[in-house]
Amino acid sequence: MPAGCGCHAGVVLELTQDYPVAPAVLWAEVTESERLSRWFGRTTGGGGTGGSVELVVTAEVDAGGVEDEAVTVDVLECTAPERLSVAFAGGGGGAGWQLTVDLVPLGETATRLTLRQPVPEDADEEPGGDLVAGWRWYLDRLAASLAGTAMPDWSDYS
């Protein structure tokens, strides 16, 4: 965990999900704005290690929320098609947070995605509850996007 990340000491949320697609396809879903916007949000700007993008989370609209304002996301590591690690600036005076996605091939036509997020100090809870439910919802939205099926309903997760 990076120094000064503003996280609960040593608490890291880790979720794993398998997808029936090749790593390159899943990589495109998590890094290309057009694909990412189908299940999470849209980005603008130059990514790549050391770069940054502006992210607008759009999926919250499907949960009865509103489209978020753009936030700057720094790309800490971008190693296609294996690892994406990013840091989000804190908004509204809150601590920033970090997210790492690792992709591991499971043969030629399947990939395991592991998402890790050190839990921010200003989180209302330890990993569980809405934090886990939210990421599960997003990962299931990713599966729906890949399959071309209806997006899951947030009420099934909250």
N, C-alpha and C. Protein backbone atom coordinates (compact mmCIF):
# COMPACT_ATOMS: atom_id res chain seq x y z
N MET A 1 0.86 -1.17 0.00
CA MET A 1 0.00 0.00 0.00
C MET A 1 0.90 1.23 0.00
N PRO A 2 0.63 2.21 -0.86
CA PRO A 2 1.51 3.37 -0.94
C PRO A 2 1.44 4.22 0.32
N ALA A 3 2.57 4.85 0.64
CA ALA A 3 2.60 5.77 1.78
C ALA A 3 1.65 6.92 1.51
N GLY A 4 0.91 7.31 2.51
CA GLY A 4 0.03 8.47 2.38
C GLY A 4 -1.20 8.24 1.55
N CYS A 5 -1.59 6.97 1.35
CA CYS A 5 -2.77 6.75 0.51
C CYS A 5 -4.06 7.03 1.27
N GLY A 6 -4.01 7.25 2.57
CA GLY A 6 -5.22 7.54 3.33
C GLY A 6 -6.12 6.33 3.44
N CYS A 7 -5.54 5.17 3.74
CA CYS A 7 -6.30 3.93 3.76
C CYS A 7 -6.36 3.35 5.17
N HIS A 8 -7.40 2.52 5.41
CA HIS A 8 -7.45 1.75 6.65
C HIS A 8 -6.17 0.91 6.66
N ALA A 9 -5.46 0.91 7.75
CA ALA A 9 -4.18 0.21 7.84
C ALA A 9 -4.32 -1.25 7.42
N GLY A 10 -3.79 -1.57 6.26
CA GLY A 10 -3.72 -2.94 5.79
C GLY A 10 -4.99 -3.56 5.27
N VAL A 11 -6.10 -2.84 5.23
CA VAL A 11 -7.36 -3.42 4.78
C VAL A 11 -7.50 -3.20 3.27
N VAL A 12 -7.55 -4.31 2.54
CA VAL A 12 -7.66 -4.24 1.09
C VAL A 12 -8.85 -5.09 0.65
N LEU A 13 -9.76 -4.47 -0.06
CA LEU A 13 -10.87 -5.19 -0.67
C LEU A 13 -10.33 -5.92 -1.89
N GLU A 14 -10.65 -7.21 -2.02
CA GLU A 14 -10.21 -7.98 -3.18
C GLU A 14 -11.39 -8.79 -3.70
N LEU A 15 -11.71 -8.60 -4.97
CA LEU A 15 -12.79 -9.33 -5.62
C LEU A 15 -12.26 -9.97 -6.88
N THR A 16 -12.70 -11.19 -7.15
CA THR A 16 -12.26 -11.94 -8.33
C THR A 16 -13.48 -12.41 -9.10
N GLN A 17 -13.40 -12.30 -10.42
CA GLN A 17 -14.49 -12.79 -11.27
C GLN A 17 -13.89 -13.29 -12.58
N ASP A 18 -14.41 -14.41 -13.08
CA ASP A 18 -13.96 -14.97 -14.35
C ASP A 18 -14.91 -14.56 -15.46
N TYR A 19 -14.32 -14.29 -16.65
CA TYR A 19 -15.09 -13.87 -17.81
C TYR A 19 -14.74 -14.76 -18.99
N PRO A 20 -15.72 -15.14 -19.83
CA PRO A 20 -15.48 -16.06 -20.94
C PRO A 20 -14.95 -15.36 -22.20
N VAL A 21 -13.90 -14.56 -22.02
CA VAL A 21 -13.28 -13.86 -23.15
C VAL A 21 -11.76 -13.86 -22.98
N ALA A 22 -11.06 -13.66 -24.07
CA ALA A 22 -9.60 -13.60 -24.05
C ALA A 22 -9.15 -12.35 -23.29
N PRO A 23 -7.95 -12.38 -22.71
CA PRO A 23 -7.44 -11.22 -21.98
C PRO A 23 -7.48 -9.92 -22.78
N ALA A 24 -7.16 -9.96 -24.07
CA ALA A 24 -7.15 -8.74 -24.87
C ALA A 24 -8.54 -8.10 -24.95
N VAL A 25 -9.57 -8.93 -25.01
CA VAL A 25 -10.94 -8.41 -25.06
C VAL A 25 -11.31 -7.77 -23.72
N LEU A 26 -10.99 -8.45 -22.62
CA LEU A 26 -11.30 -7.90 -21.30
C LEU A 26 -10.48 -6.63 -21.05
N TRP A 27 -9.23 -6.62 -21.49
CA TRP A 27 -8.39 -5.43 -21.34
C TRP A 27 -9.05 -4.23 -22.02
N ALA A 28 -9.56 -4.43 -23.23
CA ALA A 28 -10.23 -3.35 -23.95
C ALA A 28 -11.45 -2.85 -23.17
N GLU A 29 -12.17 -3.75 -22.51
CA GLU A 29 -13.36 -3.36 -21.74
C GLU A 29 -13.01 -2.46 -20.55
N VAL A 30 -11.82 -2.62 -19.99
CA VAL A 30 -11.45 -1.83 -18.82
C VAL A 30 -10.57 -0.63 -19.16
N THR A 31 -10.12 -0.52 -20.41
CA THR A 31 -9.22 0.58 -20.75
C THR A 31 -9.69 1.48 -21.88
N GLU A 32 -10.58 1.03 -22.73
CA GLU A 32 -11.04 1.84 -23.86
C GLU A 32 -12.34 2.55 -23.49
N SER A 33 -12.34 3.87 -23.62
CA SER A 33 -13.47 4.67 -23.17
C SER A 33 -14.81 4.21 -23.73
N GLU A 34 -14.87 3.91 -25.02
CA GLU A 34 -16.14 3.51 -25.63
C GLU A 34 -16.69 2.25 -24.97
N ARG A 35 -15.83 1.29 -24.71
CA ARG A 35 -16.27 0.04 -24.07
C ARG A 35 -16.53 0.24 -22.58
N LEU A 36 -15.65 0.97 -21.91
CA LEU A 36 -15.79 1.23 -20.48
C LEU A 36 -17.09 1.98 -20.18
N SER A 37 -17.49 2.85 -21.10
CA SER A 37 -18.70 3.65 -20.87
C SER A 37 -19.97 2.81 -20.88
N ARG A 38 -19.93 1.63 -21.44
CA ARG A 38 -21.12 0.77 -21.48
C ARG A 38 -21.47 0.23 -20.09
N TRP A 39 -20.45 0.10 -19.22
CA TRP A 39 -20.73 -0.53 -17.93
C TRP A 39 -20.24 0.26 -16.71
N PHE A 40 -19.40 1.28 -16.92
CA PHE A 40 -18.84 2.01 -15.79
C PHE A 40 -18.86 3.52 -16.01
N GLY A 41 -18.05 4.01 -16.92
CA GLY A 41 -17.98 5.44 -17.18
C GLY A 41 -17.07 5.72 -18.37
N ARG A 42 -17.05 6.98 -18.78
CA ARG A 42 -16.24 7.34 -19.95
C ARG A 42 -15.00 8.12 -19.51
N THR A 43 -13.95 7.98 -20.31
CA THR A 43 -12.70 8.67 -20.02
C THR A 43 -12.29 9.53 -21.21
N THR A 44 -11.53 10.58 -20.90
CA THR A 44 -10.88 11.39 -21.92
C THR A 44 -9.45 11.64 -21.45
N GLY A 45 -8.56 11.81 -22.40
CA GLY A 45 -7.17 12.10 -22.05
C GLY A 45 -6.27 10.94 -22.41
N GLY A 46 -4.97 11.19 -22.19
CA GLY A 46 -3.97 10.20 -22.54
C GLY A 46 -3.63 9.30 -21.37
N GLY A 47 -3.97 8.05 -21.50
CA GLY A 47 -3.64 7.09 -20.45
C GLY A 47 -2.20 6.63 -20.58
N GLY A 48 -1.92 5.47 -20.09
CA GLY A 48 -0.57 4.92 -20.09
C GLY A 48 0.12 5.26 -18.78
N THR A 49 1.07 4.43 -18.41
CA THR A 49 1.79 4.62 -17.16
C THR A 49 2.34 6.04 -17.07
N GLY A 50 2.04 6.70 -15.96
CA GLY A 50 2.49 8.07 -15.75
C GLY A 50 1.55 9.12 -16.31
N GLY A 51 0.55 8.71 -17.06
CA GLY A 51 -0.42 9.66 -17.62
C GLY A 51 -1.62 9.82 -16.69
N SER A 52 -2.61 10.51 -17.20
CA SER A 52 -3.85 10.66 -16.44
C SER A 52 -5.00 10.79 -17.42
N VAL A 53 -6.20 10.48 -16.92
CA VAL A 53 -7.42 10.63 -17.69
C VAL A 53 -8.45 11.34 -16.82
N GLU A 54 -9.44 11.89 -17.48
CA GLU A 54 -10.60 12.42 -16.77
C GLU A 54 -11.68 11.35 -16.90
N LEU A 55 -12.28 10.97 -15.78
CA LEU A 55 -13.30 9.93 -15.74
C LEU A 55 -14.62 10.51 -15.28
N VAL A 56 -15.67 10.19 -16.02
CA VAL A 56 -17.04 10.52 -15.62
C VAL A 56 -17.75 9.19 -15.41
N VAL A 57 -18.11 8.88 -14.16
CA VAL A 57 -18.83 7.64 -13.87
C VAL A 57 -20.28 7.85 -14.27
N THR A 58 -20.73 7.03 -15.22
CA THR A 58 -22.08 7.16 -15.76
C THR A 58 -23.03 6.07 -15.28
N ALA A 59 -22.50 4.98 -14.78
CA ALA A 59 -23.33 3.83 -14.38
C ALA A 59 -24.29 4.15 -13.25
N GLU A 60 -23.93 5.13 -12.42
CA GLU A 60 -24.78 5.46 -11.26
C GLU A 60 -26.18 5.88 -11.68
N VAL A 61 -26.35 6.36 -12.89
CA VAL A 61 -27.66 6.75 -13.39
C VAL A 61 -28.59 5.54 -13.36
N ASP A 62 -28.06 4.36 -13.70
CA ASP A 62 -28.86 3.13 -13.70
C ASP A 62 -29.28 2.71 -12.30
N ALA A 63 -28.61 3.24 -11.27
CA ALA A 63 -28.95 2.91 -9.89
C ALA A 63 -29.82 3.99 -9.25
N GLY A 64 -30.31 4.92 -10.07
CA GLY A 64 -31.15 6.00 -9.55
C GLY A 64 -30.38 7.23 -9.14
N GLY A 65 -29.08 7.23 -9.39
CA GLY A 65 -28.25 8.38 -9.04
C GLY A 65 -28.11 9.33 -10.22
N VAL A 66 -27.09 10.15 -10.15
CA VAL A 66 -26.82 11.11 -11.22
C VAL A 66 -25.43 10.85 -11.77
N GLU A 67 -25.20 11.36 -12.96
CA GLU A 67 -23.88 11.25 -13.57
C GLU A 67 -22.90 12.09 -12.76
N ASP A 68 -21.80 11.47 -12.34
CA ASP A 68 -20.81 12.17 -11.54
C ASP A 68 -20.08 13.23 -12.36
N GLU A 69 -19.47 14.19 -11.65
CA GLU A 69 -18.58 15.14 -12.31
C GLU A 69 -17.29 14.43 -12.64
N ALA A 70 -16.57 14.95 -13.62
CA ALA A 70 -15.30 14.34 -14.01
C ALA A 70 -14.29 14.43 -12.87
N VAL A 71 -13.53 13.34 -12.69
CA VAL A 71 -12.43 13.31 -11.72
C VAL A 71 -11.17 12.92 -12.45
N THR A 72 -10.05 13.42 -11.95
CA THR A 72 -8.76 13.06 -12.53
C THR A 72 -8.30 11.73 -11.96
N VAL A 73 -7.90 10.85 -12.85
CA VAL A 73 -7.41 9.53 -12.48
C VAL A 73 -5.98 9.41 -13.00
N ASP A 74 -5.03 9.24 -12.07
CA ASP A 74 -3.63 9.07 -12.45
C ASP A 74 -3.36 7.59 -12.72
N VAL A 75 -2.69 7.32 -13.83
CA VAL A 75 -2.37 5.95 -14.19
C VAL A 75 -1.00 5.61 -13.59
N LEU A 76 -1.02 4.74 -12.59
CA LEU A 76 0.21 4.35 -11.90
C LEU A 76 0.95 3.27 -12.66
N GLU A 77 0.20 2.34 -13.22
CA GLU A 77 0.78 1.27 -14.02
C GLU A 77 -0.23 0.82 -15.06
N CYS A 78 0.26 0.66 -16.28
CA CYS A 78 -0.60 0.20 -17.37
C CYS A 78 0.23 -0.77 -18.21
N THR A 79 0.06 -2.06 -17.92
CA THR A 79 0.81 -3.10 -18.59
C THR A 79 -0.18 -4.02 -19.29
N ALA A 80 -0.42 -3.74 -20.58
CA ALA A 80 -1.42 -4.49 -21.34
C ALA A 80 -0.93 -5.92 -21.62
N PRO A 81 -1.81 -6.88 -21.61
CA PRO A 81 -3.16 -6.88 -21.05
C PRO A 81 -3.20 -7.50 -19.65
N GLU A 82 -2.31 -7.08 -18.78
CA GLU A 82 -2.18 -7.75 -17.48
C GLU A 82 -2.58 -6.92 -16.27
N ARG A 83 -2.17 -5.66 -16.22
CA ARG A 83 -2.40 -4.88 -14.99
C ARG A 83 -2.67 -3.42 -15.31
N LEU A 84 -3.69 -2.91 -14.62
CA LEU A 84 -4.00 -1.49 -14.64
C LEU A 84 -4.12 -1.06 -13.19
N SER A 85 -3.31 -0.09 -12.80
CA SER A 85 -3.36 0.45 -11.44
C SER A 85 -3.52 1.96 -11.55
N VAL A 86 -4.54 2.48 -10.86
CA VAL A 86 -4.86 3.90 -10.97
C VAL A 86 -5.10 4.49 -9.59
N ALA A 87 -4.95 5.81 -9.50
CA ALA A 87 -5.23 6.53 -8.26
C ALA A 87 -6.21 7.65 -8.56
N PHE A 88 -7.25 7.72 -7.74
CA PHE A 88 -8.29 8.73 -7.87
C PHE A 88 -8.02 9.81 -6.84
N ALA A 89 -8.08 11.06 -7.27
CA ALA A 89 -7.93 12.17 -6.33
C ALA A 89 -9.15 12.21 -5.42
N GLY A 90 -8.96 12.65 -4.19
CA GLY A 90 -10.09 12.77 -3.26
C GLY A 90 -10.97 13.94 -3.67
N GLY A 91 -12.25 13.73 -3.63
CA GLY A 91 -13.18 14.80 -3.95
C GLY A 91 -13.85 15.31 -2.69
N GLY A 92 -14.21 16.56 -2.67
CA GLY A 92 -14.92 17.12 -1.53
C GLY A 92 -14.14 17.03 -0.22
N GLY A 93 -12.81 17.09 -0.31
CA GLY A 93 -11.99 17.03 0.90
C GLY A 93 -11.73 15.63 1.40
N GLY A 94 -12.26 14.60 0.73
CA GLY A 94 -12.03 13.22 1.16
C GLY A 94 -10.68 12.72 0.69
N ALA A 95 -10.28 11.59 1.24
CA ALA A 95 -9.02 10.98 0.84
C ALA A 95 -9.17 10.39 -0.56
N GLY A 96 -8.09 10.35 -1.30
CA GLY A 96 -8.10 9.69 -2.59
C GLY A 96 -8.09 8.18 -2.37
N TRP A 97 -8.21 7.46 -3.46
CA TRP A 97 -8.16 6.01 -3.34
C TRP A 97 -7.52 5.41 -4.57
N GLN A 98 -7.07 4.18 -4.41
CA GLN A 98 -6.34 3.48 -5.46
C GLN A 98 -7.10 2.22 -5.85
N LEU A 99 -6.95 1.82 -7.10
CA LEU A 99 -7.61 0.63 -7.62
C LEU A 99 -6.64 -0.09 -8.54
N THR A 100 -6.52 -1.40 -8.37
CA THR A 100 -5.67 -2.20 -9.26
C THR A 100 -6.51 -3.33 -9.82
N VAL A 101 -6.40 -3.54 -11.13
CA VAL A 101 -7.08 -4.62 -11.82
C VAL A 101 -6.00 -5.48 -12.47
N ASP A 102 -6.01 -6.78 -12.12
CA ASP A 102 -5.09 -7.74 -12.73
C ASP A 102 -5.90 -8.72 -13.56
N LEU A 103 -5.40 -9.03 -14.75
CA LEU A 103 -6.03 -10.00 -15.64
C LEU A 103 -5.10 -11.19 -15.82
N VAL A 104 -5.63 -12.39 -15.63
CA VAL A 104 -4.85 -13.62 -15.78
C VAL A 104 -5.59 -14.53 -16.75
N PRO A 105 -4.91 -14.96 -17.82
CA PRO A 105 -5.56 -15.87 -18.77
C PRO A 105 -5.91 -17.20 -18.12
N LEU A 106 -7.07 -17.72 -18.47
CA LEU A 106 -7.51 -19.06 -18.07
C LEU A 106 -7.73 -19.84 -19.36
N GLY A 107 -6.68 -20.17 -20.04
CA GLY A 107 -6.77 -20.74 -21.38
C GLY A 107 -6.85 -19.61 -22.40
N GLU A 108 -7.28 -19.95 -23.61
CA GLU A 108 -7.30 -18.96 -24.69
C GLU A 108 -8.56 -18.11 -24.70
N THR A 109 -9.63 -18.61 -24.10
CA THR A 109 -10.91 -17.90 -24.23
C THR A 109 -11.56 -17.55 -22.89
N ALA A 110 -10.77 -17.44 -21.85
CA ALA A 110 -11.31 -17.03 -20.55
C ALA A 110 -10.24 -16.27 -19.78
N THR A 111 -10.70 -15.36 -18.92
CA THR A 111 -9.78 -14.50 -18.17
C THR A 111 -10.32 -14.29 -16.77
N ARG A 112 -9.42 -14.34 -15.80
CA ARG A 112 -9.78 -14.02 -14.41
C ARG A 112 -9.38 -12.57 -14.14
N LEU A 113 -10.33 -11.79 -13.66
CA LEU A 113 -10.09 -10.41 -13.27
C LEU A 113 -10.07 -10.36 -11.74
N THR A 114 -9.01 -9.76 -11.19
CA THR A 114 -8.93 -9.53 -9.75
C THR A 114 -8.83 -8.03 -9.54
N LEU A 115 -9.75 -7.50 -8.76
CA LEU A 115 -9.81 -6.08 -8.44
C LEU A 115 -9.39 -5.92 -6.98
N ARG A 116 -8.46 -4.99 -6.74
CA ARG A 116 -8.01 -4.70 -5.37
C ARG A 116 -8.13 -3.21 -5.11
N GLN A 117 -8.70 -2.89 -3.94
CA GLN A 117 -8.81 -1.49 -3.53
C GLN A 117 -8.49 -1.38 -2.05
N PRO A 118 -7.36 -0.72 -1.70
CA PRO A 118 -7.15 -0.41 -0.29
C PRO A 118 -8.32 0.46 0.17
N VAL A 119 -8.87 0.14 1.33
CA VAL A 119 -10.06 0.84 1.80
C VAL A 119 -9.67 2.21 2.36
N PRO A 120 -10.22 3.29 1.79
CA PRO A 120 -9.88 4.64 2.25
C PRO A 120 -10.24 4.86 3.72
N GLU A 121 -9.44 5.69 4.40
CA GLU A 121 -9.69 6.01 5.80
C GLU A 121 -11.07 6.61 6.01
N ASP A 122 -11.54 7.41 5.03
CA ASP A 122 -12.83 8.07 5.21
C ASP A 122 -14.02 7.20 4.78
N ALA A 123 -13.74 5.92 4.50
CA ALA A 123 -14.85 5.01 4.18
C ALA A 123 -15.70 4.82 5.43
N ASP A 124 -17.00 4.71 5.23
CA ASP A 124 -17.92 4.57 6.35
C ASP A 124 -17.83 3.20 7.01
N GLU A 125 -17.15 2.27 6.35
CA GLU A 125 -17.14 0.90 6.84
C GLU A 125 -15.88 0.18 6.41
N GLU A 126 -15.64 -0.94 7.00
CA GLU A 126 -14.61 -1.86 6.54
C GLU A 126 -15.14 -2.49 5.25
N PRO A 127 -14.29 -3.24 4.52
CA PRO A 127 -14.81 -3.88 3.31
C PRO A 127 -16.05 -4.72 3.63
N GLY A 128 -17.07 -4.49 2.92
CA GLY A 128 -18.34 -5.16 3.12
C GLY A 128 -19.43 -4.16 2.78
N GLY A 129 -20.65 -4.59 2.93
CA GLY A 129 -21.75 -3.67 2.70
C GLY A 129 -21.72 -3.07 1.32
N ASP A 130 -21.95 -1.76 1.25
CA ASP A 130 -22.07 -1.07 -0.03
C ASP A 130 -20.78 -1.09 -0.85
N LEU A 131 -19.62 -1.10 -0.21
CA LEU A 131 -18.36 -1.11 -0.97
C LEU A 131 -18.25 -2.39 -1.79
N VAL A 132 -18.45 -3.52 -1.17
CA VAL A 132 -18.40 -4.80 -1.88
C VAL A 132 -19.57 -4.89 -2.86
N ALA A 133 -20.76 -4.53 -2.41
CA ALA A 133 -21.94 -4.61 -3.28
C ALA A 133 -21.74 -3.75 -4.53
N GLY A 134 -21.18 -2.56 -4.36
CA GLY A 134 -20.96 -1.68 -5.50
C GLY A 134 -20.00 -2.27 -6.51
N TRP A 135 -18.88 -2.79 -6.04
CA TRP A 135 -17.92 -3.38 -6.99
C TRP A 135 -18.48 -4.65 -7.61
N ARG A 136 -19.22 -5.47 -6.86
CA ARG A 136 -19.86 -6.66 -7.44
C ARG A 136 -20.81 -6.24 -8.56
N TRP A 137 -21.58 -5.17 -8.30
CA TRP A 137 -22.52 -4.66 -9.30
C TRP A 137 -21.77 -4.24 -10.56
N TYR A 138 -20.68 -3.50 -10.39
CA TYR A 138 -19.90 -3.08 -11.56
C TYR A 138 -19.33 -4.28 -12.31
N LEU A 139 -18.79 -5.27 -11.59
CA LEU A 139 -18.21 -6.44 -12.26
C LEU A 139 -19.29 -7.24 -12.98
N ASP A 140 -20.49 -7.30 -12.42
CA ASP A 140 -21.59 -7.96 -13.12
C ASP A 140 -22.07 -7.13 -14.31
N ARG A 141 -21.97 -5.81 -14.21
CA ARG A 141 -22.28 -4.94 -15.36
C ARG A 141 -21.27 -5.20 -16.49
N LEU A 142 -20.01 -5.40 -16.12
CA LEU A 142 -18.99 -5.75 -17.12
C LEU A 142 -19.36 -7.05 -17.81
N ALA A 143 -19.78 -8.07 -17.04
CA ALA A 143 -20.19 -9.34 -17.64
C ALA A 143 -21.37 -9.14 -18.59
N ALA A 144 -22.34 -8.33 -18.18
CA ALA A 144 -23.50 -8.07 -19.03
C ALA A 144 -23.10 -7.35 -20.31
N SER A 145 -22.16 -6.40 -20.20
CA SER A 145 -21.68 -5.69 -21.37
C SER A 145 -21.02 -6.65 -22.36
N LEU A 146 -20.21 -7.54 -21.84
CA LEU A 146 -19.53 -8.52 -22.69
C LEU A 146 -20.52 -9.47 -23.36
N ALA A 147 -21.56 -9.85 -22.63
CA ALA A 147 -22.55 -10.80 -23.15
C ALA A 147 -23.64 -10.14 -23.99
N GLY A 148 -23.72 -8.81 -23.92
CA GLY A 148 -24.78 -8.11 -24.65
C GLY A 148 -26.14 -8.32 -24.02
N THR A 149 -26.17 -8.52 -22.70
CA THR A 149 -27.44 -8.74 -22.00
C THR A 149 -27.79 -7.51 -21.17
N ALA A 150 -28.98 -7.55 -20.56
CA ALA A 150 -29.44 -6.43 -19.74
C ALA A 150 -28.53 -6.24 -18.53
N MET A 151 -28.37 -4.99 -18.14
CA MET A 151 -27.56 -4.66 -16.97
C MET A 151 -28.28 -5.11 -15.71
N PRO A 152 -27.51 -5.56 -14.71
CA PRO A 152 -28.14 -5.96 -13.45
C PRO A 152 -28.76 -4.77 -12.73
N ASP A 153 -29.77 -5.04 -11.94
CA ASP A 153 -30.48 -4.02 -11.19
C ASP A 153 -29.78 -3.78 -9.86
N TRP A 154 -29.46 -2.53 -9.55
CA TRP A 154 -28.75 -2.18 -8.32
C TRP A 154 -29.51 -2.68 -7.08
N SER A 155 -30.84 -2.71 -7.13
CA SER A 155 -31.61 -3.12 -5.96
C SER A 155 -31.33 -4.58 -5.57
N ASP A 156 -30.82 -5.37 -6.49
CA ASP A 156 -30.44 -6.75 -6.18
C ASP A 156 -29.14 -6.83 -5.37
N TYR A 157 -28.42 -5.71 -5.25
CA TYR A 157 -27.11 -5.68 -4.58
C TYR A 157 -27.13 -4.88 -3.29
N SER A 158 -28.04 -3.91 -3.22
CA SER A 158 -28.04 -3.01 -2.06
C SER A 158 -28.80 -3.58 -0.89
